[in-house]
Amino acid sequence: MSLPERNTLPHDVPWWVEEGAAFFITINAKERGQNVLCKSDIALHLFESVEFRIEQFQWDMLLFLLMPDHLHMIARFNSEPGLRRVLADWKRYTARQFGVAWQRDFFDHRLRNDNEIEHKAEYIQMNPVRAGLVEDPEDWPYVWMW
């Protein structure tokens, strides 16, 4: 039995979305169910790459949280080079430099206002609690916040 072919998601931000809009992003590691990301050396390199790209004005990162086999972030992107290009470049860089194998593509959702940003940030921070990895979100070490 062959698996259905996955469609490629467009990830093009519509022209009418204001510059600097915040997006909720999820990126999965290729190996699901394995601890690929929550290793101190990998996490440190990923956090350093987040900060480097902030310094390069490639994104404005509000929250970046690693789970064993995926990550969540809330970030803002300039229209050029844009969300799709910045994330593709980052995934390619982290794959080459740190050996992280990512699934093709990612999930993105535009957050329309501060209330949605706060709600999604709370959802992200509670992810390790829901997964049974910690009892209190403040105990999760694999999070980067501005």
C-alpha atoms as a PDB file:
ATOM      1  CA  MET A   1       0.000   0.000   0.000  1.00  0.00           C
ATOM      2  CA  SER A   2       1.449   3.358  -0.988  1.00  0.00           C
ATOM      3  CA  LEU A   3       1.045   6.439   1.129  1.00  0.00           C
ATOM      4  CA  PRO A   4      -0.756   9.455  -0.303  1.00  0.00           C
ATOM      5  CA  GLU A   5       1.481  12.233  -1.553  1.00  0.00           C
ATOM      6  CA  ARG A   6       1.656  15.240   0.772  1.00  0.00           C
ATOM      7  CA  ASN A   7       0.796  18.602  -0.666  1.00  0.00           C
ATOM      8  CA  THR A   8       3.260  21.421  -0.178  1.00  0.00           C
ATOM      9  CA  LEU A   9       1.871  24.266   1.888  1.00  0.00           C
ATOM     10  CA  PRO A  10       2.254  27.712   0.287  1.00  0.00           C
ATOM     11  CA  HIS A  11       3.260  29.765   3.387  1.00  0.00           C
ATOM     12  CA  ASP A  12       2.971  32.972   1.393  1.00  0.00           C
ATOM     13  CA  VAL A  13       1.759  35.767   3.630  1.00  0.00           C
ATOM     14  CA  PRO A  14      -1.139  37.550   1.892  1.00  0.00           C
ATOM     15  CA  TRP A  15      -0.453  41.115   0.746  1.00  0.00           C
ATOM     16  CA  TRP A  16      -3.081  42.494   3.118  1.00  0.00           C
ATOM     17  CA  VAL A  17      -1.393  41.171   6.286  1.00  0.00           C
ATOM     18  CA  GLU A  18       0.320  44.065   8.045  1.00  0.00           C
ATOM     19  CA  GLU A  19       4.112  44.148   8.275  1.00  0.00           C
ATOM     20  CA  GLY A  20       5.341  42.680  11.553  1.00  0.00           C
ATOM     21  CA  ALA A  21       2.384  40.358  12.134  1.00  0.00           C
ATOM     22  CA  ALA A  22       3.066  37.596  14.664  1.00  0.00           C
ATOM     23  CA  PHE A  23       2.916  33.943  13.631  1.00  0.00           C
ATOM     24  CA  PHE A  24       2.607  30.729  15.610  1.00  0.00           C
ATOM     25  CA  ILE A  25       4.936  28.176  13.998  1.00  0.00           C
ATOM     26  CA  THR A  26       5.353  24.444  14.623  1.00  0.00           C
ATOM     27  CA  ILE A  27       8.256  22.519  13.098  1.00  0.00           C
ATOM     28  CA  ASN A  28       8.559  18.747  13.492  1.00  0.00           C
ATOM     29  CA  ALA A  29      11.731  16.708  13.628  1.00  0.00           C
ATOM     30  CA  LYS A  30      11.837  13.917  11.077  1.00  0.00           C
ATOM     31  CA  GLU A  31      12.049  11.279  13.819  1.00  0.00           C
ATOM     32  CA  ARG A  32       8.750  11.567  15.653  1.00  0.00           C
ATOM     33  CA  GLY A  33       8.537  10.002  19.094  1.00  0.00           C
ATOM     34  CA  GLN A  34      12.292  10.321  19.696  1.00  0.00           C
ATOM     35  CA  ASN A  35      14.163  12.895  21.757  1.00  0.00           C
ATOM     36  CA  VAL A  36      15.962  14.761  19.003  1.00  0.00           C
ATOM     37  CA  LEU A  37      15.800  18.365  20.242  1.00  0.00           C
ATOM     38  CA  CYS A  38      15.821  18.289  24.054  1.00  0.00           C
ATOM     39  CA  LYS A  39      19.495  17.570  24.418  1.00  0.00           C
ATOM     40  CA  SER A  40      21.555  20.284  26.066  1.00  0.00           C
ATOM     41  CA  ASP A  41      24.073  20.664  23.217  1.00  0.00           C
ATOM     42  CA  ILE A  42      21.431  20.721  20.470  1.00  0.00           C
ATOM     43  CA  ALA A  43      19.208  23.096  22.465  1.00  0.00           C
ATOM     44  CA  LEU A  44      22.113  25.463  23.104  1.00  0.00           C
ATOM     45  CA  HIS A  45      22.976  25.577  19.392  1.00  0.00           C
ATOM     46  CA  LEU A  46      19.351  26.146  18.417  1.00  0.00           C
ATOM     47  CA  PHE A  47      18.957  28.960  20.969  1.00  0.00           C
ATOM     48  CA  GLU A  48      22.187  30.569  19.727  1.00  0.00           C
ATOM     49  CA  SER A  49      20.899  30.374  16.150  1.00  0.00           C
ATOM     50  CA  VAL A  50      17.666  32.076  17.245  1.00  0.00           C
ATOM     51  CA  GLU A  51      19.635  34.934  18.811  1.00  0.00           C
ATOM     52  CA  PHE A  52      21.938  35.247  15.798  1.00  0.00           C
ATOM     53  CA  ARG A  53      18.959  35.617  13.463  1.00  0.00           C
ATOM     54  CA  ILE A  54      17.456  38.236  15.762  1.00  0.00           C
ATOM     55  CA  GLU A  55      20.720  40.194  15.531  1.00  0.00           C
ATOM     56  CA  GLN A  56      20.583  39.842  11.733  1.00  0.00           C
ATOM     57  CA  PHE A  57      16.976  41.205  11.720  1.00  0.00           C
ATOM     58  CA  GLN A  58      15.692  38.016  10.112  1.00  0.00           C
ATOM     59  CA  TRP A  59      12.974  37.550  12.705  1.00  0.00           C
ATOM     60  CA  ASP A  60      11.681  38.999  15.925  1.00  0.00           C
ATOM     61  CA  MET A  61      11.327  35.979  18.204  1.00  0.00           C
ATOM     62  CA  LEU A  62       8.863  36.274  21.068  1.00  0.00           C
ATOM     63  CA  LEU A  63       8.886  32.657  22.263  1.00  0.00           C
ATOM     64  CA  PHE A  64      10.764  29.535  21.182  1.00  0.00           C
ATOM     65  CA  LEU A  65      10.121  26.214  22.933  1.00  0.00           C
ATOM     66  CA  LEU A  66      11.654  22.841  22.188  1.00  0.00           C
ATOM     67  CA  MET A  67       9.860  19.570  22.736  1.00  0.00           C
ATOM     68  CA  PRO A  68      11.622  16.239  22.217  1.00  0.00           C
ATOM     69  CA  ASP A  69      10.495  15.866  18.590  1.00  0.00           C
ATOM     70  CA  HIS A  70       9.127  19.277  17.589  1.00  0.00           C
ATOM     71  CA  LEU A  71       9.290  22.955  18.398  1.00  0.00           C
ATOM     72  CA  HIS A  72       6.892  25.846  18.720  1.00  0.00           C
ATOM     73  CA  MET A  73       7.633  29.501  18.225  1.00  0.00           C
ATOM     74  CA  ILE A  74       5.913  32.842  18.080  1.00  0.00           C
ATOM     75  CA  ALA A  75       7.785  35.176  15.774  1.00  0.00           C
ATOM     76  CA  ARG A  76       7.448  38.179  13.506  1.00  0.00           C
ATOM     77  CA  PHE A  77       9.005  38.256  10.038  1.00  0.00           C
ATOM     78  CA  ASN A  78       9.775  41.067   7.623  1.00  0.00           C
ATOM     79  CA  SER A  79       8.035  40.822   4.272  1.00  0.00           C
ATOM     80  CA  GLU A  80      11.454  40.394   2.647  1.00  0.00           C
ATOM     81  CA  PRO A  81      12.857  37.786   2.653  1.00  0.00           C
ATOM     82  CA  GLY A  82       9.651  36.583   4.343  1.00  0.00           C
ATOM     83  CA  LEU A  83       8.520  33.828   6.654  1.00  0.00           C
ATOM     84  CA  ARG A  84       8.938  30.928   4.218  1.00  0.00           C
ATOM     85  CA  ARG A  85      12.479  31.854   3.157  1.00  0.00           C
ATOM     86  CA  VAL A  86      13.727  32.624   6.673  1.00  0.00           C
ATOM     87  CA  LEU A  87      12.416  29.348   8.088  1.00  0.00           C
ATOM     88  CA  ALA A  88      13.690  27.293   5.150  1.00  0.00           C
ATOM     89  CA  ASP A  89      17.144  28.847   5.523  1.00  0.00           C
ATOM     90  CA  TRP A  90      17.125  28.277   9.297  1.00  0.00           C
ATOM     91  CA  LYS A  91      16.053  24.636   8.949  1.00  0.00           C
ATOM     92  CA  ARG A  92      18.723  24.021   6.311  1.00  0.00           C
ATOM     93  CA  TYR A  93      21.402  25.675   8.488  1.00  0.00           C
ATOM     94  CA  THR A  94      20.480  23.746  11.647  1.00  0.00           C
ATOM     95  CA  ALA A  95      20.331  20.481   9.692  1.00  0.00           C
ATOM     96  CA  ARG A  96      23.808  20.991   8.264  1.00  0.00           C
ATOM     97  CA  GLN A  97      25.480  22.443  11.348  1.00  0.00           C
ATOM     98  CA  PHE A  98      23.875  20.406  14.122  1.00  0.00           C
ATOM     99  CA  GLY A  99      22.531  17.312  12.376  1.00  0.00           C
ATOM    100  CA  VAL A 100      18.868  18.029  13.097  1.00  0.00           C
ATOM    101  CA  ALA A 101      16.703  16.231  10.544  1.00  0.00           C
ATOM    102  CA  TRP A 102      13.472  18.160  10.047  1.00  0.00           C
ATOM    103  CA  GLN A 103      10.255  17.072   8.412  1.00  0.00           C
ATOM    104  CA  ARG A 104       9.521  18.846   5.177  1.00  0.00           C
ATOM    105  CA  ASP A 105       7.470  22.013   5.651  1.00  0.00           C
ATOM    106  CA  PHE A 106       6.033  23.480   8.857  1.00  0.00           C
ATOM    107  CA  PHE A 107       2.726  24.700  10.269  1.00  0.00           C
ATOM    108  CA  ASP A 108       2.043  28.418  10.552  1.00  0.00           C
ATOM    109  CA  HIS A 109      -0.882  30.426  11.850  1.00  0.00           C
ATOM    110  CA  ARG A 110      -1.088  34.214  11.915  1.00  0.00           C
ATOM    111  CA  LEU A 111      -1.955  35.676  15.312  1.00  0.00           C
ATOM    112  CA  ARG A 112      -4.272  38.618  14.818  1.00  0.00           C
ATOM    113  CA  ASN A 113      -3.885  40.535  18.078  1.00  0.00           C
ATOM    114  CA  ASP A 114      -2.160  40.638  21.461  1.00  0.00           C
ATOM    115  CA  ASN A 115      -4.876  38.469  23.018  1.00  0.00           C
ATOM    116  CA  GLU A 116      -4.190  35.689  20.488  1.00  0.00           C
ATOM    117  CA  ILE A 117      -0.443  36.026  21.093  1.00  0.00           C
ATOM    118  CA  GLU A 118      -0.927  35.669  24.867  1.00  0.00           C
ATOM    119  CA  HIS A 119      -3.279  32.703  24.442  1.00  0.00           C
ATOM    120  CA  LYS A 120      -0.899  30.891  22.083  1.00  0.00           C
ATOM    121  CA  ALA A 121       2.098  31.652  24.331  1.00  0.00           C
ATOM    122  CA  GLU A 122       0.274  30.051  27.255  1.00  0.00           C
ATOM    123  CA  TYR A 123      -0.602  27.049  25.076  1.00  0.00           C
ATOM    124  CA  ILE A 124       3.061  26.663  24.052  1.00  0.00           C
ATOM    125  CA  GLN A 125       4.388  26.993  27.606  1.00  0.00           C
ATOM    126  CA  MET A 126       1.929  24.353  28.848  1.00  0.00           C
ATOM    127  CA  ASN A 127       2.982  21.860  26.160  1.00  0.00           C
ATOM    128  CA  PRO A 128       5.664  20.142  28.326  1.00  0.00           C
ATOM    129  CA  VAL A 129       3.125  19.915  31.176  1.00  0.00           C
ATOM    130  CA  ARG A 130       0.471  18.325  28.941  1.00  0.00           C
ATOM    131  CA  ALA A 131       3.105  15.875  27.688  1.00  0.00           C
ATOM    132  CA  GLY A 132       3.916  14.856  31.290  1.00  0.00           C
ATOM    133  CA  LEU A 133       7.514  16.082  31.062  1.00  0.00           C
ATOM    134  CA  VAL A 134       7.243  18.575  33.946  1.00  0.00           C
ATOM    135  CA  GLU A 135       4.586  19.543  36.468  1.00  0.00           C
ATOM    136  CA  ASP A 136       5.155  23.284  36.213  1.00  0.00           C
ATOM    137  CA  PRO A 137       5.927  25.109  32.948  1.00  0.00           C
ATOM    138  CA  GLU A 138       8.612  27.167  34.723  1.00  0.00           C
ATOM    139  CA  ASP A 139      10.566  23.923  35.244  1.00  0.00           C
ATOM    140  CA  TRP A 140      10.973  23.282  31.498  1.00  0.00           C
ATOM    141  CA  PRO A 141      14.571  24.163  30.554  1.00  0.00           C
ATOM    142  CA  TYR A 142      14.159  24.117  26.763  1.00  0.00           C
ATOM    143  CA  VAL A 143      12.474  27.467  26.292  1.00  0.00           C
ATOM    144  CA  TRP A 144      13.763  30.793  25.025  1.00  0.00           C
ATOM    145  CA  MET A 145      11.739  33.943  25.654  1.00  0.00           C
ATOM    146  CA  TRP A 146      12.463  37.532  24.801  1.00  0.00           C
END
